């Protein structure tokens, strides 16, 4: 006779009022789609518009990280909140400055 161990998957208990998993990834997907759209614009030789859209998408990510609770920010949460917001805001400002400074 062979004995098999059946391992049960541990599942976290569902809390009442918990947000669905896909809703927590929505801000990240919005930022990702904005950056992808910006790269498409840049590839069609609309550098300033593409860079502006990219800066806006990253700034939206910083704003979402600032105002949403940790259960709803998804993959935008990587470090402490203040560091995430400062990093994304810095990147957004840098991208906007580059878009503004580069000549046509």
C-alpha atoms as a PDB file:
ATOM      1  CA  UNK A   1       0.000   0.000   0.000  1.00  0.00           C
ATOM      2  CA  UNK A   2       1.197   3.429  -0.770  1.00  0.00           C
ATOM      3  CA  UNK A   3       0.477   6.271   1.498  1.00  0.00           C
ATOM      4  CA  UNK A   4      -0.057   9.640  -0.051  1.00  0.00           C
ATOM      5  CA  UNK A   5       0.012  12.867   1.716  1.00  0.00           C
ATOM      6  CA  UNK A   6      -2.668  15.230   0.677  1.00  0.00           C
ATOM      7  CA  UNK A   7      -1.740  18.757   1.396  1.00  0.00           C
ATOM      8  CA  UNK A   8      -4.434  21.281   1.703  1.00  0.00           C
ATOM      9  CA  UNK A   9      -3.907  24.692   0.287  1.00  0.00           C
ATOM     10  CA  UNK A  10      -4.046  27.291   2.945  1.00  0.00           C
ATOM     11  CA  UNK A  11      -6.399  30.042   2.095  1.00  0.00           C
ATOM     12  CA  UNK A  12      -6.704  33.302   3.857  1.00  0.00           C
ATOM     13  CA  UNK A  13     -10.143  33.844   5.301  1.00  0.00           C
ATOM     14  CA  UNK A  14     -12.191  36.257   3.270  1.00  0.00           C
ATOM     15  CA  UNK A  15     -12.986  39.443   5.069  1.00  0.00           C
ATOM     16  CA  UNK A  16     -16.322  41.078   4.681  1.00  0.00           C
ATOM     17  CA  UNK A  17     -16.126  44.113   2.500  1.00  0.00           C
ATOM     18  CA  UNK A  18     -12.807  43.069   0.965  1.00  0.00           C
ATOM     19  CA  UNK A  19     -12.225  44.370  -2.527  1.00  0.00           C
ATOM     20  CA  UNK A  20     -11.976  41.887  -5.392  1.00  0.00           C
ATOM     21  CA  UNK A  21      -8.458  41.049  -6.569  1.00  0.00           C
ATOM     22  CA  UNK A  22      -8.873  42.637  -9.995  1.00  0.00           C
ATOM     23  CA  UNK A  23     -10.023  45.923  -8.495  1.00  0.00           C
ATOM     24  CA  UNK A  24      -6.785  46.203  -6.561  1.00  0.00           C
ATOM     25  CA  UNK A  25      -4.813  45.957  -9.810  1.00  0.00           C
ATOM     26  CA  UNK A  26      -6.869  48.587 -11.649  1.00  0.00           C
ATOM     27  CA  UNK A  27      -4.677  51.640 -10.793  1.00  0.00           C
ATOM     28  CA  UNK A  28      -1.580  49.728 -11.900  1.00  0.00           C
ATOM     29  CA  UNK A  29      -3.246  48.740 -15.167  1.00  0.00           C
ATOM     30  CA  UNK A  30      -4.275  52.355 -15.836  1.00  0.00           C
ATOM     31  CA  UNK A  31      -0.684  53.505 -15.356  1.00  0.00           C
ATOM     32  CA  UNK A  32       0.614  50.666 -17.517  1.00  0.00           C
ATOM     33  CA  UNK A  33      -1.835  51.452 -20.335  1.00  0.00           C
ATOM     34  CA  UNK A  34      -0.950  55.151 -20.140  1.00  0.00           C
ATOM     35  CA  UNK A  35       2.762  54.430 -20.444  1.00  0.00           C
ATOM     36  CA  UNK A  36       2.143  51.973 -23.306  1.00  0.00           C
ATOM     37  CA  UNK A  37       0.038  54.577 -25.126  1.00  0.00           C
ATOM     38  CA  UNK A  38       2.780  57.144 -24.567  1.00  0.00           C
ATOM     39  CA  UNK A  39       5.376  54.830 -26.069  1.00  0.00           C
ATOM     40  CA  UNK A  40       3.144  54.312 -29.110  1.00  0.00           C
ATOM     41  CA  UNK A  41       2.822  58.095 -29.522  1.00  0.00           C
ATOM     42  CA  UNK A  42       6.590  58.493 -29.233  1.00  0.00           C
ATOM     43  CA  UNK A  43       7.136  55.809 -31.853  1.00  0.00           C
ATOM     44  CA  UNK A  44       4.914  57.748 -34.284  1.00  0.00           C
ATOM     45  CA  UNK A  45       7.130  60.812 -33.854  1.00  0.00           C
ATOM     46  CA  UNK A  46       4.901  62.672 -31.361  1.00  0.00           C
ATOM     47  CA  UNK A  47       7.598  62.931 -28.714  1.00  0.00           C
ATOM     48  CA  UNK A  48       6.180  65.816 -26.691  1.00  0.00           C
ATOM     49  CA  UNK A  49       2.637  64.431 -26.578  1.00  0.00           C
ATOM     50  CA  UNK A  50       3.907  60.963 -25.732  1.00  0.00           C
ATOM     51  CA  UNK A  51       6.183  62.235 -23.003  1.00  0.00           C
ATOM     52  CA  UNK A  52       3.386  64.365 -21.590  1.00  0.00           C
ATOM     53  CA  UNK A  53       1.086  61.360 -21.491  1.00  0.00           C
ATOM     54  CA  UNK A  54       3.792  59.284 -19.825  1.00  0.00           C
ATOM     55  CA  UNK A  55       4.364  61.963 -17.185  1.00  0.00           C
ATOM     56  CA  UNK A  56       0.609  62.177 -16.571  1.00  0.00           C
ATOM     57  CA  UNK A  57       0.317  58.389 -16.223  1.00  0.00           C
ATOM     58  CA  UNK A  58       3.172  58.215 -13.714  1.00  0.00           C
ATOM     59  CA  UNK A  59       1.752  61.173 -11.808  1.00  0.00           C
ATOM     60  CA  UNK A  60      -1.625  59.403 -11.709  1.00  0.00           C
ATOM     61  CA  UNK A  61       0.170  56.402 -10.197  1.00  0.00           C
ATOM     62  CA  UNK A  62       1.686  58.614  -7.518  1.00  0.00           C
ATOM     63  CA  UNK A  63      -1.694  60.148  -6.744  1.00  0.00           C
ATOM     64  CA  UNK A  64      -3.340  56.720  -6.604  1.00  0.00           C
ATOM     65  CA  UNK A  65      -0.626  55.483  -4.244  1.00  0.00           C
ATOM     66  CA  UNK A  66      -1.142  58.531  -2.055  1.00  0.00           C
ATOM     67  CA  UNK A  67      -4.925  58.406  -1.656  1.00  0.00           C
ATOM     68  CA  UNK A  68      -5.884  54.723  -1.957  1.00  0.00           C
ATOM     69  CA  UNK A  69      -5.606  52.243   0.911  1.00  0.00           C
ATOM     70  CA  UNK A  70      -2.976  49.476   0.631  1.00  0.00           C
ATOM     71  CA  UNK A  71      -5.597  46.884  -0.323  1.00  0.00           C
ATOM     72  CA  UNK A  72      -6.456  48.782  -3.506  1.00  0.00           C
ATOM     73  CA  UNK A  73      -3.116  49.942  -4.931  1.00  0.00           C
ATOM     74  CA  UNK A  74      -1.938  46.539  -6.119  1.00  0.00           C
ATOM     75  CA  UNK A  75       1.545  46.482  -7.614  1.00  0.00           C
ATOM     76  CA  UNK A  76       2.034  50.226  -7.169  1.00  0.00           C
ATOM     77  CA  UNK A  77       2.919  49.412  -3.567  1.00  0.00           C
ATOM     78  CA  UNK A  78       6.573  48.433  -3.471  1.00  0.00           C
ATOM     79  CA  UNK A  79       8.090  50.370  -0.589  1.00  0.00           C
ATOM     80  CA  UNK A  80       6.847  52.773   2.018  1.00  0.00           C
ATOM     81  CA  UNK A  81       4.088  55.098   0.883  1.00  0.00           C
ATOM     82  CA  UNK A  82       6.083  58.331   1.097  1.00  0.00           C
ATOM     83  CA  UNK A  83       8.989  56.824  -0.841  1.00  0.00           C
ATOM     84  CA  UNK A  84       6.711  55.464  -3.581  1.00  0.00           C
ATOM     85  CA  UNK A  85       4.957  58.808  -3.975  1.00  0.00           C
ATOM     86  CA  UNK A  86       8.218  60.779  -3.960  1.00  0.00           C
ATOM     87  CA  UNK A  87       9.844  58.470  -6.514  1.00  0.00           C
ATOM     88  CA  UNK A  88       6.931  58.469  -8.931  1.00  0.00           C
ATOM     89  CA  UNK A  89       6.455  62.228  -8.598  1.00  0.00           C
ATOM     90  CA  UNK A  90      10.147  62.775  -9.251  1.00  0.00           C
ATOM     91  CA  UNK A  91      10.027  60.577 -12.353  1.00  0.00           C
ATOM     92  CA  UNK A  92       6.907  62.366 -13.620  1.00  0.00           C
ATOM     93  CA  UNK A  93       8.511  65.786 -13.175  1.00  0.00           C
ATOM     94  CA  UNK A  94      11.730  64.612 -14.840  1.00  0.00           C
ATOM     95  CA  UNK A  95       9.845  63.214 -17.835  1.00  0.00           C
ATOM     96  CA  UNK A  96       7.819  66.423 -18.185  1.00  0.00           C
ATOM     97  CA  UNK A  97      10.968  68.567 -18.003  1.00  0.00           C
ATOM     98  CA  UNK A  98      12.673  66.444 -20.667  1.00  0.00           C
ATOM     99  CA  UNK A  99       9.602  66.745 -22.887  1.00  0.00           C
ATOM    100  CA  UNK A 100       9.593  70.513 -22.431  1.00  0.00           C
ATOM    101  CA  UNK A 101      13.351  71.064 -22.905  1.00  0.00           C
ATOM    102  CA  UNK A 102      13.974  68.872 -25.969  1.00  0.00           C
ATOM    103  CA  UNK A 103      13.691  70.960 -29.148  1.00  0.00           C
ATOM    104  CA  UNK A 104      11.228  70.035 -31.884  1.00  0.00           C
END
